[in-house]
Protein backbone atom coordinates (compact mmCIF):
# COMPACT_ATOMS: atom_id res chain seq x y z
CA MET A 1 -39.52 -69.96 50.33
CA ALA A 2 -35.76 -69.16 49.13
CA VAL A 3 -34.05 -70.57 46.74
CA LYS A 4 -30.08 -71.40 47.28
CA LYS A 5 -27.41 -70.51 44.75
CA SER A 6 -24.82 -72.51 44.83
CA PHE A 7 -21.73 -70.91 44.21
CA LYS A 8 -18.12 -72.87 42.56
CA GLU A 9 -14.97 -71.77 43.63
CA GLU A 10 -13.72 -69.61 41.06
CA LYS A 11 -9.72 -69.78 39.91
CA PRO A 12 -8.03 -67.27 38.87
CA VAL A 13 -7.59 -66.65 35.83
CA PHE A 14 -3.96 -65.75 35.57
CA SER A 15 -2.64 -69.33 38.01
CA LYS A 16 -2.63 -71.07 34.42
CA ALA A 17 -0.12 -68.58 32.57
CA VAL A 18 2.02 -68.33 36.09
CA SER A 19 2.19 -71.93 35.99
CA VAL A 20 3.03 -71.82 32.04
CA THR A 21 5.42 -69.51 32.53
CA GLN A 22 7.39 -70.90 35.48
CA THR A 23 7.75 -74.16 33.31
CA LYS A 24 9.41 -72.10 30.74
CA GLN A 25 11.64 -70.37 32.52
CA LYS A 26 12.69 -73.80 34.78
CA LYS A 27 13.54 -75.35 30.80
CA LYS A 28 15.90 -72.85 29.75
CA GLN A 29 17.87 -72.95 33.07
CA ASN A 30 17.78 -76.98 32.43
CA HIS A 31 18.75 -75.40 28.62
CA ALA A 32 21.58 -73.38 29.73
CA ALA A 33 23.06 -75.84 32.40
CA LYS A 34 23.01 -78.29 30.00
CA LYS A 35 24.83 -76.18 27.88
CA GLU A 36 27.29 -74.91 29.88
CA VAL A 37 30.41 -77.54 29.95
CA VAL A 38 32.61 -77.25 33.33
CA LEU A 39 35.72 -77.80 31.95
CA LYS A 40 37.97 -80.25 34.57
CA LYS A 41 41.26 -77.72 35.16
CA PRO A 42 44.45 -79.27 34.30
CA THR A 43 46.93 -80.63 37.67
CA LYS A 44 50.21 -82.62 37.97
CA SER A 45 52.95 -83.41 40.60
CA LEU A 46 55.82 -81.55 40.48
CA LYS A 47 58.80 -84.09 40.60
CA VAL A 48 61.88 -82.97 42.10
CA SER A 49 65.50 -84.55 42.09
CA SER A 50 66.23 -84.16 45.91
CA LYS A 51 64.55 -84.13 48.74
CA ASN A 52 65.34 -80.92 50.16
CA LEU A 53 64.80 -77.38 47.93
CA ASN A 54 66.44 -74.04 47.35
CA TYR A 55 64.12 -71.16 47.04
CA SER A 56 63.99 -68.47 45.06
CA ILE A 57 61.15 -65.67 44.68
CA CYS A 58 60.82 -63.05 42.15
CA ILE A 59 59.15 -60.48 43.30
CA PRO A 60 57.74 -57.36 40.22
CA THR A 61 58.06 -53.39 40.73
CA SER A 62 54.21 -53.33 41.01
CA ILE A 63 54.69 -54.85 44.69
CA THR A 64 54.94 -51.61 45.16
CA ASP A 65 52.20 -49.59 43.71
CA ASP A 66 49.73 -49.41 46.39
CA CYS A 67 52.11 -47.50 48.60
CA LYS A 68 52.15 -43.78 48.81
CA ASN A 69 54.91 -43.05 50.51
CA LEU A 70 58.18 -44.37 51.94
CA GLU A 71 56.80 -45.60 55.14
CA GLN A 72 54.28 -47.94 53.25
CA THR A 73 57.04 -49.33 50.83
CA THR A 74 59.72 -50.18 53.99
CA ASN A 75 56.56 -51.88 55.83
CA VAL A 76 56.13 -54.08 52.24
CA ILE A 77 59.31 -55.18 51.88
CA TYR A 78 60.14 -55.14 55.35
CA HIS A 79 57.67 -58.33 55.20
CA ILE A 80 58.96 -59.73 52.46
CA ALA A 81 62.86 -60.20 53.79
CA LYS A 82 60.93 -61.89 56.83
CA THR A 83 59.19 -64.32 55.43
CA ALA A 84 62.49 -64.73 52.35
CA THR A 85 64.51 -65.68 55.84
CA ILE A 86 61.86 -68.05 57.69
CA PHE A 87 61.99 -70.01 54.70
CA ASN A 88 65.34 -69.74 54.03
CA VAL A 89 64.97 -68.14 50.36
CA GLY A 90 68.42 -67.95 49.00
CA GLU A 91 67.69 -65.29 46.59
CA VAL A 92 65.20 -62.75 46.00
CA ILE A 93 64.73 -61.41 42.28
CA ILE A 94 63.55 -58.00 41.60
CA LEU A 95 62.02 -58.02 37.94
CA ASP A 96 61.90 -53.96 37.06
CA LEU A 97 58.72 -53.72 35.19
CA GLY A 98 59.93 -50.61 33.72
CA LYS A 99 56.63 -48.73 35.33
CA GLU A 100 57.12 -45.89 37.94
CA THR A 101 53.98 -44.66 40.30
CA PRO A 102 52.10 -41.31 39.76
CA ILE A 103 53.00 -40.39 43.51
CA GLU A 104 57.17 -41.15 44.00
CA VAL A 105 57.77 -43.40 47.22
CA THR A 106 59.93 -41.47 48.48
CA GLU A 107 60.39 -38.11 49.84
CA ASP A 108 61.96 -35.02 47.93
CA ILE A 109 65.57 -34.03 50.11
CA LYS A 110 66.44 -30.75 49.80
CA GLY A 111 70.61 -30.56 49.68
CA THR A 112 72.20 -28.03 51.52
CA LYS A 113 71.46 -25.13 48.06
CA GLY A 114 68.51 -25.95 48.37
CA GLU A 115 68.50 -28.38 45.12
CA THR A 116 66.92 -31.76 44.47
CA LYS A 117 69.27 -34.50 45.43
CA LYS A 118 68.47 -37.27 42.61
CA ARG A 119 66.43 -40.41 44.21
CA LEU A 120 67.12 -43.89 43.89
CA SER A 121 64.75 -45.98 41.16
CA ARG A 122 62.39 -48.22 42.88
CA PRO A 123 64.10 -51.33 41.91
CA MET A 124 67.29 -50.04 43.32
CA LEU A 125 65.37 -49.31 46.42
CA ILE A 126 63.93 -52.11 46.77
CA ALA A 127 66.82 -53.88 46.55
CA THR A 128 68.36 -51.53 48.97
CA LEU A 129 65.91 -52.23 51.73
CA LEU A 130 66.48 -56.02 51.04
CA GLN A 131 70.02 -55.39 51.57
CA TYR A 132 69.53 -53.55 54.88
CA PHE A 133 67.32 -56.18 56.34
CA VAL A 134 70.36 -58.81 55.95
CA THR A 135 72.69 -56.63 57.09
CA PRO A 136 74.34 -56.20 60.82
CA PRO A 137 73.11 -52.95 62.77
CA TYR A 138 76.98 -52.46 62.97
CA LEU A 139 77.74 -52.25 59.52
CA VAL A 140 75.11 -50.09 58.37
CA ASN A 141 77.31 -47.22 57.96
CA THR A 142 79.95 -48.75 56.27
CA VAL A 143 78.42 -50.84 53.77
CA PHE A 144 75.56 -48.09 52.55
CA LYS A 145 77.41 -45.10 51.81
CA LYS A 146 75.79 -42.05 53.07
CA ASP A 147 73.83 -40.81 50.84
CA TYR A 148 71.87 -43.90 50.79
CA HIS A 149 70.97 -43.51 55.27
CA LYS A 150 67.77 -41.28 54.55
CA TYR A 151 66.25 -44.11 52.78
CA PHE A 152 66.36 -46.49 56.15
CA LYS A 153 64.50 -43.62 58.03
CA TYR A 154 61.85 -46.20 58.71
CA ALA A 155 63.49 -49.35 58.51
CA CYS A 156 66.04 -48.71 61.26
CA LYS A 157 62.83 -48.63 63.75
CA LEU A 158 61.75 -51.81 62.45
CA PRO A 159 62.79 -54.67 64.75
CA ARG A 160 65.84 -56.74 63.21
CA LEU A 161 64.95 -59.92 62.03
CA SER A 162 66.12 -62.27 64.97
CA VAL A 163 66.12 -65.67 62.17
CA LEU A 164 69.41 -64.46 60.08
CA PRO A 165 72.42 -67.14 61.21
CA PHE A 166 74.64 -64.24 62.27
CA MET A 167 72.03 -63.15 64.77
CA ARG A 168 71.82 -66.16 66.41
CA TYR A 169 73.13 -66.87 69.41
CA TYR A 170 74.39 -70.86 69.69
CA GLU A 171 75.32 -72.37 73.26
CA GLU A 172 78.42 -75.03 71.30
CA ASP A 173 80.07 -72.16 69.84
CA LYS A 174 79.33 -69.11 72.05
CA GLY A 175 79.44 -66.87 69.71
CA ARG A 176 82.15 -67.06 68.32
CA PHE A 177 81.64 -66.37 64.10
CA ARG A 178 80.82 -62.68 63.26
CA GLU A 179 79.67 -60.38 60.00
CA GLY A 180 82.82 -58.28 59.39
CA LEU A 181 84.06 -55.69 56.51
CA ALA A 182 87.44 -55.98 55.03
CA VAL A 183 88.70 -52.02 56.03
CA ARG A 184 92.12 -50.18 55.13
CA MET A 185 93.66 -49.24 58.19
CA SER A 186 95.92 -47.26 56.85
CA LYS A 187 97.56 -46.02 53.07
CA PRO A 188 100.39 -48.16 52.42
CA GLU A 189 103.84 -46.36 52.00
CA ALA A 190 105.71 -45.29 49.04
CA THR A 191 107.57 -48.00 47.15
CA ASN A 192 110.21 -48.27 45.52
CA SER A 193 110.43 -47.60 41.23
CA ASN A 194 112.10 -50.69 40.65
CA GLN A 195 108.18 -52.64 42.32
CA SER A 196 105.74 -53.60 39.50
CA ASN A 197 102.32 -51.93 39.33
CA SER A 198 100.75 -54.90 40.11
CA LYS A 199 102.32 -55.21 43.31
CA LYS A 200 101.42 -51.71 44.38
CA ALA A 201 97.64 -52.50 43.70
CA LYS A 202 98.14 -56.04 45.54
CA GLU A 203 99.21 -54.43 48.55
CA PHE A 204 96.32 -51.43 48.28
CA LYS A 205 93.55 -53.97 47.98
CA GLN A 206 94.20 -55.87 50.35
CA THR A 207 93.96 -56.32 54.22
CA LYS A 208 93.97 -57.86 57.04
CA TYR A 209 91.70 -55.89 59.76
CA ILE A 210 87.95 -56.55 59.70
CA ASN A 211 85.40 -54.62 61.31
CA ILE A 212 83.17 -56.91 63.31
CA GLY A 213 81.56 -53.91 65.19
CA LYS A 214 84.00 -54.04 68.06
CA SER A 215 86.03 -51.24 69.67
CA GLU A 216 89.17 -52.28 67.71
CA CYS A 217 89.18 -54.23 64.23
CA LEU A 218 90.05 -57.71 64.40
CA GLU A 219 93.50 -58.38 62.58
CA LEU A 220 93.83 -61.76 61.06
CA LYS A 221 96.29 -63.85 61.94
CA SER A 222 97.41 -65.13 58.27
CA GLN A 223 95.26 -63.96 56.14
CA LEU A 224 94.84 -61.25 53.42
CA VAL A 225 91.47 -60.02 52.18
CA PRO A 226 90.28 -57.18 49.20
CA VAL A 227 88.75 -54.37 50.93
CA ASN A 228 85.38 -53.82 51.37
CA VAL A 229 84.50 -56.94 51.35
CA ARG A 230 81.63 -58.49 53.69
CA VAL A 231 83.20 -61.66 55.20
CA THR A 232 82.79 -64.12 58.25
CA VAL A 233 85.40 -64.56 60.27
CA ASP A 234 86.31 -67.11 63.27
CA THR A 235 87.10 -64.30 66.27
CA VAL A 236 88.87 -67.23 68.75
CA GLU A 237 91.07 -68.50 65.18
CA LYS A 238 91.15 -65.11 63.69
CA ARG A 239 90.85 -66.71 60.45
CA VAL A 240 87.96 -65.87 57.71
CA VAL A 241 85.76 -68.63 57.41
CA ALA A 242 82.99 -69.70 54.92
CA PRO A 243 79.29 -68.88 55.22
CA GLN A 244 78.67 -72.68 55.20
CA GLU A 245 81.16 -73.53 58.26
CA ALA A 246 79.61 -71.60 60.49
CA TYR A 247 76.07 -71.23 59.86
CA GLY A 248 75.74 -74.85 58.29
CA ASP A 249 72.63 -74.39 55.61
CA TYR A 250 70.95 -71.12 56.49
CA VAL A 251 72.85 -69.69 54.17
CA GLY A 252 71.63 -67.80 51.11
CA ALA A 253 72.68 -68.22 46.49
CA GLN A 254 76.32 -67.28 45.85
CA SER A 255 77.35 -67.59 49.98
CA SER A 256 75.47 -64.73 50.49
CA PHE A 257 73.99 -63.42 53.89
CA GLY A 258 70.29 -64.57 54.49
CA TYR A 259 69.73 -64.01 50.46
CA HIS A 260 71.24 -62.81 47.61
CA VAL A 261 69.50 -59.85 45.35
CA ARG A 262 69.53 -58.70 42.39
CA VAL A 263 67.56 -57.20 39.67
CA CYS A 264 66.87 -58.02 36.46
CA LYS A 265 65.05 -55.79 33.62
CA LYS A 266 63.86 -58.32 31.71
CA PHE A 267 61.79 -61.50 31.78
CA GLY A 268 64.68 -63.71 30.54
CA SER A 269 67.49 -62.52 32.32
CA VAL A 270 65.64 -63.99 36.22
CA PHE A 271 66.30 -66.77 34.02
CA THR A 272 69.79 -66.53 31.81
CA GLU A 273 71.67 -64.44 35.66
CA SER A 274 70.50 -67.50 37.87
CA ALA A 275 72.26 -67.53 41.25
CA PHE A 276 72.78 -70.72 41.40
CA PRO A 277 75.14 -72.06 38.10
CA GLU A 278 73.28 -75.31 37.99
CA GLY A 279 70.20 -72.91 37.34
CA TYR A 280 66.82 -73.75 38.04
CA SER A 281 65.08 -76.94 37.75
CA GLN A 282 61.64 -76.24 38.25
CA ALA A 283 59.72 -72.76 38.44
CA ILE A 284 56.04 -71.99 39.03
CA TRP A 285 53.98 -68.57 39.01
CA CYS A 286 51.49 -67.74 41.72
CA ASN A 287 48.85 -65.13 40.86
CA SER A 288 48.74 -62.11 42.96
CA GLY A 289 48.12 -58.09 42.81
CA ASP A 290 45.29 -58.88 40.14
CA TYR A 291 42.55 -57.47 41.74
CA TYR A 292 40.54 -58.16 38.17
CA TYR A 293 41.59 -61.21 37.10
CA ASN A 294 38.73 -63.05 35.97
CA GLU A 295 39.00 -67.43 34.92
CA LYS A 296 36.30 -67.46 33.06
CA LEU A 297 37.32 -64.94 30.33
CA LYS A 298 38.41 -66.06 27.11
CA LYS A 299 41.60 -64.12 27.22
CA ASN A 300 42.65 -65.99 30.69
CA ASP A 301 42.23 -70.08 28.54
CA SER A 302 45.57 -69.97 27.70
CA ILE A 303 46.63 -69.48 31.04
CA GLU A 304 44.56 -71.72 32.94
CA ASN A 305 44.92 -74.13 30.54
CA GLU A 306 48.52 -74.31 29.75
CA LEU A 307 50.16 -73.72 33.72
CA PRO A 308 48.47 -76.71 35.80
CA ARG A 309 47.36 -76.57 39.48
CA ILE A 310 51.00 -78.07 41.68
CA GLN A 311 48.99 -80.24 43.58
CA SER A 312 52.22 -82.00 45.17
CA ILE A 313 55.70 -81.77 45.30
CA VAL A 314 57.52 -85.80 44.93
CA LYS A 315 61.30 -85.80 46.35
CA SER A 316 63.63 -88.26 45.75
CA GLU A 317 64.41 -90.45 48.60
CA LYS A 318 68.10 -91.85 49.78
CA LYS A 319 69.04 -94.34 48.14
CA THR A 320 71.49 -97.00 49.68
CA SER A 321 73.92 -99.30 47.72
CA GLU A 322 74.04 -103.09 47.87
CA ASN A 323 76.46 -102.61 50.85
CA GLY A 324 73.86 -100.79 52.99
CA ASP A 325 76.22 -96.89 52.41
CA GLU A 326 74.25 -93.88 51.78
CA THR A 327 74.70 -93.09 47.90
CA PRO A 328 75.92 -89.68 47.87
CA ALA A 329 72.81 -86.99 47.76
CA ALA A 330 72.02 -85.91 44.67
CA GLN A 331 72.36 -82.02 43.32
CA MET A 332 69.90 -79.69 45.34
CA SER A 333 66.87 -78.69 43.48
CA ASN A 334 66.49 -74.67 43.24
CA LEU A 335 62.80 -73.90 43.16
CA LEU A 336 61.65 -70.81 41.71
CA VAL A 337 58.33 -68.96 42.70
CA LEU A 338 57.68 -65.76 40.50
CA TYR A 339 54.90 -63.70 41.60
CA GLY A 340 52.52 -60.91 40.27
CA LYS A 341 50.02 -60.61 37.00
CA TRP A 342 50.66 -62.45 34.25
CA LYS A 343 49.80 -59.21 31.86
CA HIS A 344 53.00 -57.90 33.86
CA ILE A 345 55.25 -60.88 33.10
CA LEU A 346 53.71 -60.98 29.48
CA GLU A 347 54.90 -57.63 28.79
CA SER A 348 58.36 -58.15 30.17
CA PHE A 349 58.68 -61.79 27.67
CA GLU A 350 58.01 -59.41 24.68
CA ALA A 351 60.68 -57.28 25.45
CA SER A 352 62.97 -59.59 25.50
CA LYS A 353 61.90 -62.45 23.37
CA GLU A 354 64.32 -62.11 20.92
CA MET A 355 66.23 -63.83 23.85
CA PHE A 356 64.27 -67.10 23.00
CA GLU A 357 64.19 -68.09 19.52
CA GLY A 358 60.93 -69.80 18.50
CA CYS A 359 59.29 -69.91 21.71
CA SER A 360 55.95 -69.11 21.77
CA GLY A 361 54.92 -67.47 25.63
CA PRO A 362 56.22 -67.29 28.58
CA HIS A 363 54.43 -70.38 30.04
CA GLU A 364 56.70 -72.35 28.08
CA PHE A 365 59.01 -71.22 31.24
CA PHE A 366 57.16 -72.86 33.83
CA ASP A 367 56.02 -75.91 34.88
CA GLY A 368 52.86 -74.61 36.59
CA GLN A 369 51.28 -72.11 38.87
CA LEU A 370 49.75 -72.68 42.34
CA GLU A 371 46.64 -72.13 43.73
CA LEU A 372 46.69 -70.84 47.10
CA PRO A 373 43.66 -72.01 49.56
CA GLY A 374 41.28 -70.21 50.99
CA ALA A 375 38.96 -67.95 50.17
CA ALA A 376 40.05 -65.37 48.84
CA PRO A 377 39.17 -65.56 44.47
CA ARG A 378 42.49 -66.47 42.44
CA GLY A 379 44.99 -63.21 42.13
CA MET A 380 43.10 -60.80 44.58
CA ILE A 381 45.67 -61.00 47.37
CA PRO A 382 49.11 -58.39 47.43
CA ILE A 383 52.11 -59.83 46.41
CA SER A 384 53.70 -59.78 49.55
CA ASP A 385 51.41 -62.00 51.29
CA CYS A 386 51.02 -64.04 48.97
CA CYS A 387 54.59 -65.15 49.44
CA THR A 388 53.98 -66.00 52.43
CA ILE A 389 51.32 -67.53 51.76
CA SER A 390 52.92 -70.10 48.82
CA LEU A 391 55.80 -70.38 50.95
CA THR A 392 53.96 -72.05 53.42
CA LEU A 393 51.98 -74.45 51.20
CA LEU A 394 54.89 -75.47 49.51
CA SER A 395 57.09 -76.30 52.51
CA THR A 396 54.36 -78.60 53.63
CA MET A 397 53.92 -79.99 50.07
């Protein structure tokens, strides 16, 4: 008779060891999670004393680091000019970092005898292109010297900025206001010997003729203006008018046309040489062009903790007096937005540290930093794109 053998279900020998290993790993993960303390990033609301804001933007010369030729540089600066005019930016500041790219952004241009002519520096090239984009086409040949025309090889092929105030046509004034340049029609005749030298200089440096892009110059009725000065004229009354009278609020700092452009060689000059007489009421930093920035690194702790994120802008409301009349509006706030790597800002600050005795760092100049929405990590966005996104965000706060 056959004997049936009973076999017990055998468990694998290593199953117990695996379960113990998994348990240990889970304990380690839980322990590490407890150790990792997530610090809450500081935030704040920016309070301004007026209902409207004047925007000033500061772009470093590193904005053209990725540009290999004049065409690429022109396209990047055109993007900045278009953004500045859309958001009615009053001032564009170029921060010279003192670093030239290995590959020049301008081509070698040979002279008639084969010699290489002197090329514009990077900050001056950026400033020249920015100024070109806000100059009426009919004034380009008179505003810019002939040596500068070669830098407009690609700029002249781009569409004109239609949002510029002098590019608009208003039905109410039928285009009566135009931009012009004061020109000298002829050299003044020799004066008598008894006339003073100051009177000679005055007659030589002033004119009543304005080039407004027509076949003939406009002759002012009862005004004299300095020669080679750009002005806004009323073609009906034949007089020079303030840009505010012609275009309203669409005027840059120092009554400039579109925006005012200036170059700063030091970080301190950005604040001490403001185009606005009253300076800037607030300043914020927008991290951009830093493709290796990591906010978790210890060296960036000071930036993350000392510069709070701007969550909102609190604007003052119009107040009324006891009689129900509106009180005079407060002076318009001037907001400065500075772009670029924090490393470059720090280096530029160190170069002008003697201007600010007792200042521990550039973070003391800023009210906070602007964190952009979207999936792109912080800093990993070109400066030109950051300008558009940041101004859009600020205008909606």
